[in-house]
N, C-alpha and C. Protein backbone atom coordinates (compact mmCIF):
# COMPACT_ATOMS: atom_id res chain seq x y z
N MET A 1 -17.75 29.29 19.18
CA MET A 1 -17.64 27.88 19.46
C MET A 1 -16.24 27.40 19.07
N LYS A 2 -15.68 26.58 19.91
CA LYS A 2 -14.32 26.10 19.70
C LYS A 2 -14.34 24.65 19.19
N ALA A 3 -13.47 24.33 18.23
CA ALA A 3 -13.39 22.98 17.69
C ALA A 3 -12.84 22.03 18.74
N VAL A 4 -13.45 20.87 18.81
CA VAL A 4 -13.05 19.87 19.80
C VAL A 4 -12.68 18.58 19.07
N THR A 5 -11.56 18.00 19.44
CA THR A 5 -11.15 16.73 18.89
C THR A 5 -11.23 15.68 19.98
N HIS A 6 -11.88 14.60 19.69
CA HIS A 6 -12.01 13.52 20.67
C HIS A 6 -10.87 12.54 20.45
N THR A 7 -9.71 12.87 21.01
CA THR A 7 -8.52 12.06 20.79
C THR A 7 -8.56 10.73 21.54
N GLU A 8 -9.44 10.56 22.49
CA GLU A 8 -9.49 9.30 23.21
C GLU A 8 -10.05 8.18 22.33
N VAL A 9 -10.67 8.52 21.21
CA VAL A 9 -11.20 7.52 20.31
C VAL A 9 -10.08 6.87 19.50
N TYR A 10 -9.05 7.62 19.21
CA TYR A 10 -7.95 7.13 18.38
C TYR A 10 -6.88 6.48 19.24
N ARG A 11 -6.47 5.28 18.85
CA ARG A 11 -5.42 4.59 19.58
C ARG A 11 -4.15 4.64 18.74
N PRO A 12 -3.01 4.80 19.37
CA PRO A 12 -1.77 4.80 18.61
C PRO A 12 -1.47 3.39 18.07
N PHE A 13 -0.85 3.34 16.91
CA PHE A 13 -0.47 2.07 16.29
C PHE A 13 0.75 1.52 17.01
N LYS A 14 0.61 0.33 17.60
CA LYS A 14 1.69 -0.25 18.39
C LYS A 14 2.42 -1.36 17.66
N GLY A 15 2.01 -1.66 16.42
CA GLY A 15 2.67 -2.71 15.65
C GLY A 15 3.84 -2.14 14.87
N GLU A 16 4.26 -2.88 13.90
CA GLU A 16 5.34 -2.41 13.04
C GLU A 16 4.90 -2.57 11.59
N PHE A 17 5.36 -1.70 10.75
CA PHE A 17 5.02 -1.73 9.34
C PHE A 17 5.94 -2.72 8.63
N ARG A 18 5.34 -3.54 7.78
CA ARG A 18 6.12 -4.46 6.97
C ARG A 18 6.10 -3.94 5.54
N ARG A 19 7.22 -4.05 4.87
CA ARG A 19 7.29 -3.65 3.47
C ARG A 19 6.97 -4.85 2.61
N PHE A 20 5.93 -4.73 1.82
CA PHE A 20 5.57 -5.80 0.89
C PHE A 20 6.34 -5.55 -0.39
N PRO A 21 7.11 -6.53 -0.87
CA PRO A 21 8.00 -6.27 -1.99
C PRO A 21 7.29 -5.96 -3.30
N MET A 22 6.07 -6.45 -3.48
CA MET A 22 5.36 -6.22 -4.73
C MET A 22 4.09 -5.42 -4.47
N ALA A 23 4.24 -4.11 -4.32
CA ALA A 23 3.09 -3.27 -4.03
C ALA A 23 2.10 -3.27 -5.19
N ALA A 24 2.57 -3.38 -6.41
CA ALA A 24 1.67 -3.41 -7.56
C ALA A 24 0.77 -4.64 -7.51
N LEU A 25 1.30 -5.75 -7.04
CA LEU A 25 0.50 -6.97 -6.90
C LEU A 25 -0.60 -6.77 -5.86
N THR A 26 -0.29 -6.11 -4.78
CA THR A 26 -1.28 -5.84 -3.75
C THR A 26 -2.38 -4.95 -4.29
N LEU A 27 -2.01 -3.91 -5.03
CA LEU A 27 -3.01 -3.02 -5.61
C LEU A 27 -3.87 -3.73 -6.64
N ALA A 28 -3.26 -4.56 -7.46
CA ALA A 28 -4.02 -5.31 -8.46
C ALA A 28 -4.98 -6.28 -7.79
N TRP A 29 -4.51 -6.96 -6.76
CA TRP A 29 -5.36 -7.93 -6.07
C TRP A 29 -6.54 -7.24 -5.40
N SER A 30 -6.33 -6.05 -4.83
CA SER A 30 -7.45 -5.35 -4.20
C SER A 30 -8.46 -4.91 -5.26
N GLY A 31 -7.99 -4.51 -6.43
CA GLY A 31 -8.91 -4.17 -7.51
C GLY A 31 -9.70 -5.36 -7.98
N ILE A 32 -9.05 -6.52 -8.04
CA ILE A 32 -9.74 -7.73 -8.46
C ILE A 32 -10.78 -8.12 -7.42
N ARG A 33 -10.44 -8.02 -6.14
CA ARG A 33 -11.42 -8.36 -5.10
C ARG A 33 -12.63 -7.45 -5.15
N ILE A 34 -12.40 -6.16 -5.38
CA ILE A 34 -13.53 -5.23 -5.49
C ILE A 34 -14.37 -5.57 -6.71
N GLY A 35 -13.70 -5.90 -7.81
CA GLY A 35 -14.42 -6.25 -9.02
C GLY A 35 -15.24 -7.52 -8.88
N PHE A 36 -14.78 -8.47 -8.09
CA PHE A 36 -15.50 -9.73 -7.93
C PHE A 36 -16.72 -9.60 -7.04
N ARG A 37 -16.97 -8.44 -6.48
CA ARG A 37 -18.21 -8.25 -5.74
C ARG A 37 -19.40 -8.35 -6.69
N LYS A 38 -19.18 -7.96 -7.92
CA LYS A 38 -20.20 -8.14 -8.96
C LYS A 38 -19.71 -9.30 -9.83
N LYS A 39 -20.16 -10.49 -9.53
CA LYS A 39 -19.56 -11.70 -10.09
C LYS A 39 -19.86 -11.90 -11.57
N MET A 40 -21.03 -11.60 -12.05
CA MET A 40 -21.35 -11.88 -13.44
C MET A 40 -20.50 -11.07 -14.41
N PRO A 41 -20.35 -9.75 -14.23
CA PRO A 41 -19.49 -9.02 -15.18
C PRO A 41 -18.06 -9.52 -15.17
N MET A 42 -17.54 -9.89 -14.02
CA MET A 42 -16.18 -10.38 -13.96
C MET A 42 -16.08 -11.74 -14.65
N LEU A 43 -17.10 -12.56 -14.50
CA LEU A 43 -17.08 -13.86 -15.15
C LEU A 43 -17.06 -13.70 -16.67
N VAL A 44 -17.89 -12.81 -17.18
CA VAL A 44 -17.96 -12.60 -18.62
C VAL A 44 -16.70 -11.91 -19.12
N LEU A 45 -16.21 -10.92 -18.37
CA LEU A 45 -15.10 -10.12 -18.86
C LEU A 45 -13.75 -10.83 -18.77
N PHE A 46 -13.56 -11.67 -17.79
CA PHE A 46 -12.24 -12.26 -17.59
C PHE A 46 -12.16 -13.75 -17.85
N LEU A 47 -13.18 -14.50 -17.54
CA LEU A 47 -13.10 -15.95 -17.68
C LEU A 47 -13.06 -16.38 -19.15
N ILE A 48 -13.94 -15.84 -19.95
CA ILE A 48 -14.00 -16.24 -21.36
C ILE A 48 -12.72 -15.88 -22.10
N PRO A 49 -12.19 -14.64 -22.01
CA PRO A 49 -10.92 -14.36 -22.69
C PRO A 49 -9.75 -15.18 -22.12
N ALA A 50 -9.77 -15.46 -20.84
CA ALA A 50 -8.69 -16.25 -20.25
C ALA A 50 -8.69 -17.67 -20.81
N VAL A 51 -9.86 -18.29 -20.88
CA VAL A 51 -9.95 -19.63 -21.43
C VAL A 51 -9.55 -19.64 -22.90
N THR A 52 -10.02 -18.64 -23.65
CA THR A 52 -9.68 -18.54 -25.07
C THR A 52 -8.17 -18.39 -25.26
N THR A 53 -7.55 -17.57 -24.44
CA THR A 53 -6.11 -17.37 -24.52
C THR A 53 -5.36 -18.66 -24.25
N ILE A 54 -5.78 -19.37 -23.25
CA ILE A 54 -5.10 -20.62 -22.91
C ILE A 54 -5.25 -21.65 -24.03
N VAL A 55 -6.46 -21.79 -24.57
CA VAL A 55 -6.70 -22.77 -25.63
C VAL A 55 -5.88 -22.43 -26.86
N PHE A 56 -5.90 -21.17 -27.29
CA PHE A 56 -5.16 -20.80 -28.50
C PHE A 56 -3.64 -20.84 -28.29
N SER A 57 -3.19 -20.58 -27.09
CA SER A 57 -1.75 -20.69 -26.86
C SER A 57 -1.29 -22.14 -26.98
N PHE A 58 -2.12 -23.08 -26.50
CA PHE A 58 -1.78 -24.49 -26.68
C PHE A 58 -1.83 -24.88 -28.16
N MET A 59 -2.81 -24.35 -28.89
CA MET A 59 -2.90 -24.67 -30.32
C MET A 59 -1.68 -24.15 -31.07
N VAL A 60 -1.24 -22.94 -30.75
CA VAL A 60 -0.05 -22.38 -31.42
C VAL A 60 1.19 -23.20 -31.06
N GLN A 61 1.29 -23.56 -29.80
CA GLN A 61 2.45 -24.36 -29.37
C GLN A 61 2.47 -25.70 -30.09
N LEU A 62 1.32 -26.35 -30.19
CA LEU A 62 1.26 -27.63 -30.87
C LEU A 62 1.52 -27.48 -32.37
N LYS A 63 1.10 -26.37 -32.96
CA LYS A 63 1.35 -26.14 -34.38
C LYS A 63 2.84 -26.03 -34.65
N PHE A 64 3.54 -25.31 -33.80
CA PHE A 64 4.97 -25.16 -34.00
C PHE A 64 5.76 -26.41 -33.66
N LEU A 65 5.16 -27.30 -32.94
CA LEU A 65 5.78 -28.60 -32.69
C LEU A 65 5.39 -29.61 -33.76
N SER A 66 4.61 -29.16 -34.74
CA SER A 66 4.16 -29.99 -35.87
C SER A 66 3.36 -31.21 -35.44
N LEU A 67 2.58 -31.04 -34.39
CA LEU A 67 1.75 -32.14 -33.96
C LEU A 67 0.35 -32.07 -34.55
N ILE A 68 -0.10 -30.84 -34.86
CA ILE A 68 -1.40 -30.70 -35.50
C ILE A 68 -1.24 -29.80 -36.70
N HIS A 69 -2.16 -29.90 -37.63
CA HIS A 69 -2.13 -29.07 -38.83
C HIS A 69 -3.39 -28.24 -38.87
N ILE A 70 -3.26 -26.97 -38.64
CA ILE A 70 -4.42 -26.07 -38.63
C ILE A 70 -4.56 -25.41 -39.98
């Protein structure tokens, strides 16, 4: 038996390739999109630390501006 390739199924690419300057950003974004398919783990894993980071960064900034005393 001889191997047969059905080349009529494949169409040649007629567009042009664009270079995206930040390939790491594209890879990170695709990982985030895949991760968000399961919404609850992503909510617990990323939302809570993100909010905590933002709140404490404001507290540190305000402390160094001597507006609050912690």
